[in-house]
Amino acid sequence: MRWWWLGLVALGCGGSDGTGETGSICVTGCTGTMAAACDNGPPDQATCVSDCEDLRVGTCGAAYEDVLDCSAGETVTCDANGIPTVTACEAEFLDFTDCLSGT
C-alpha cells in the first residue's frame, strides 16, 4: 500500500457504507483524488477504492474515519512530491500515520 491513499478521502461526502457502491465515501473520495491527477497518486479508481475500504476496517480504522470525516467536501491537491493531499486535514492525517507507524 502506498502513501497516496491519504489523499483519496477528499470529497468523500457520499454514504459511508464502504461497499464500493456508487456514492460510497470511498468511491466519492477516490473520484476527487483521481481528478487531482497527482504524479504519485493511485494508479486507478478501483485500486484507490479498494485501498480506502481496506483502511476503513484495518487496525487504524477509527483514525482513518476521522480523516474521512474531516476530508468530506474538501479539495484534493498535489503536494510538492506529487502525492494527493487535503491540506485542511493535516492533524487528522498525522494522527492516522502515527497509528500506522505504532507511535
Protein backbone atom coordinates (compact mmCIF):
# COMPACT_ATOMS: atom_id res chain seq x y z
CA MET A 1 0.00 0.00 0.00
CA ARG A 2 1.27 3.46 -0.83
CA TRP A 3 1.08 6.80 0.99
CA TRP A 4 -1.08 8.32 -1.74
CA TRP A 5 -4.19 6.93 -0.07
CA LEU A 6 -4.03 9.78 2.41
CA GLY A 7 -5.47 11.99 -0.27
CA LEU A 8 -8.03 9.52 -1.51
CA VAL A 9 -10.56 10.53 1.09
CA ALA A 10 -11.14 14.08 -0.02
CA LEU A 11 -14.54 14.99 -1.33
CA GLY A 12 -15.87 11.93 0.49
CA CYS A 13 -19.37 13.16 1.08
CA GLY A 14 -21.43 10.20 -0.09
CA GLY A 15 -22.88 7.41 2.00
CA SER A 16 -20.44 5.66 4.28
CA ASP A 17 -21.32 2.05 3.62
CA GLY A 18 -17.84 1.09 2.42
CA THR A 19 -19.20 -1.31 -0.15
CA GLY A 20 -17.67 0.34 -3.19
CA GLU A 21 -21.14 1.15 -4.49
CA THR A 22 -21.65 4.42 -6.31
CA GLY A 23 -21.95 7.14 -3.70
CA SER A 24 -19.94 5.36 -1.00
CA ILE A 25 -17.45 7.56 0.83
CA CYS A 26 -14.53 5.69 -0.77
CA VAL A 27 -15.92 5.97 -4.30
CA THR A 28 -16.69 9.66 -3.86
CA GLY A 29 -13.32 10.39 -2.25
CA CYS A 30 -11.41 8.50 -4.90
CA THR A 31 -13.21 10.38 -7.64
CA GLY A 32 -11.77 13.61 -6.23
CA THR A 33 -8.36 12.04 -5.75
CA MET A 34 -8.21 10.78 -9.33
CA ALA A 35 -9.36 14.20 -10.60
CA ALA A 36 -6.35 15.81 -8.90
CA ALA A 37 -4.14 13.73 -11.24
CA CYS A 38 -1.11 13.79 -8.93
CA ASP A 39 2.04 12.15 -10.28
CA ASN A 40 2.29 9.85 -7.25
CA GLY A 41 -1.43 9.26 -6.79
CA PRO A 42 -3.28 5.97 -7.12
CA PRO A 43 -2.93 4.17 -10.45
CA ASP A 44 -6.69 3.87 -10.98
CA GLN A 45 -10.09 4.32 -9.33
CA ALA A 46 -10.54 0.63 -8.47
CA THR A 47 -7.23 0.42 -6.58
CA CYS A 48 -8.00 3.65 -4.78
CA VAL A 49 -11.42 2.42 -3.63
CA SER A 50 -10.10 -0.99 -2.61
CA ASP A 51 -7.31 0.54 -0.50
CA CYS A 52 -9.74 3.00 1.07
CA GLU A 53 -12.13 0.23 2.06
CA ASP A 54 -9.27 -1.87 3.47
CA LEU A 55 -8.08 1.06 5.59
CA ARG A 56 -11.56 1.63 6.99
CA VAL A 57 -11.63 -1.85 8.52
CA GLY A 58 -7.94 -2.05 9.43
CA THR A 59 -6.20 -1.65 12.78
CA CYS A 60 -6.28 2.14 12.45
CA GLY A 61 -9.82 2.28 11.11
CA ALA A 62 -11.04 4.76 13.75
CA ALA A 63 -8.24 7.20 12.94
CA TYR A 64 -8.94 6.74 9.23
CA GLU A 65 -12.63 7.51 9.80
CA ASP A 66 -11.51 10.80 11.39
CA VAL A 67 -9.61 11.56 8.19
CA LEU A 68 -12.67 10.67 6.11
CA ASP A 69 -14.93 12.87 8.22
CA CYS A 70 -12.55 15.82 8.02
CA SER A 71 -12.00 15.43 4.28
CA ALA A 72 -15.67 15.41 3.33
CA GLY A 73 -16.22 18.19 0.82
CA GLU A 74 -12.58 19.31 0.79
CA THR A 75 -10.44 19.69 -2.33
CA VAL A 76 -7.63 17.29 -3.14
CA THR A 77 -4.39 18.93 -4.23
CA CYS A 78 -0.94 17.56 -5.02
CA ASP A 79 1.89 18.22 -2.58
CA ALA A 80 5.47 19.01 -3.62
CA ASN A 81 6.14 15.28 -4.00
CA GLY A 82 3.14 14.72 -6.27
CA ILE A 83 1.15 12.97 -3.54
CA PRO A 84 -2.57 13.72 -3.19
CA THR A 85 -3.36 15.62 -0.01
CA VAL A 86 -6.12 17.51 1.76
CA THR A 87 -4.44 20.44 3.49
CA ALA A 88 -7.43 21.14 5.75
CA CYS A 89 -6.95 17.77 7.48
CA GLU A 90 -3.27 17.77 8.31
CA ALA A 91 -3.78 17.00 12.02
CA GLU A 92 -6.06 14.05 11.26
CA PHE A 93 -3.59 12.71 8.68
CA LEU A 94 -0.76 12.93 11.22
CA ASP A 95 -2.79 11.06 13.84
CA PHE A 96 -3.59 8.38 11.26
CA THR A 97 0.02 7.97 10.14
CA ASP A 98 1.12 7.86 13.78
CA CYS A 99 -1.33 4.99 14.30
CA LEU A 100 0.01 3.16 11.27
CA SER A 101 3.58 3.54 12.47
CA GLY A 102 2.67 2.46 16.00
CA THR A 103 3.53 5.76 17.67
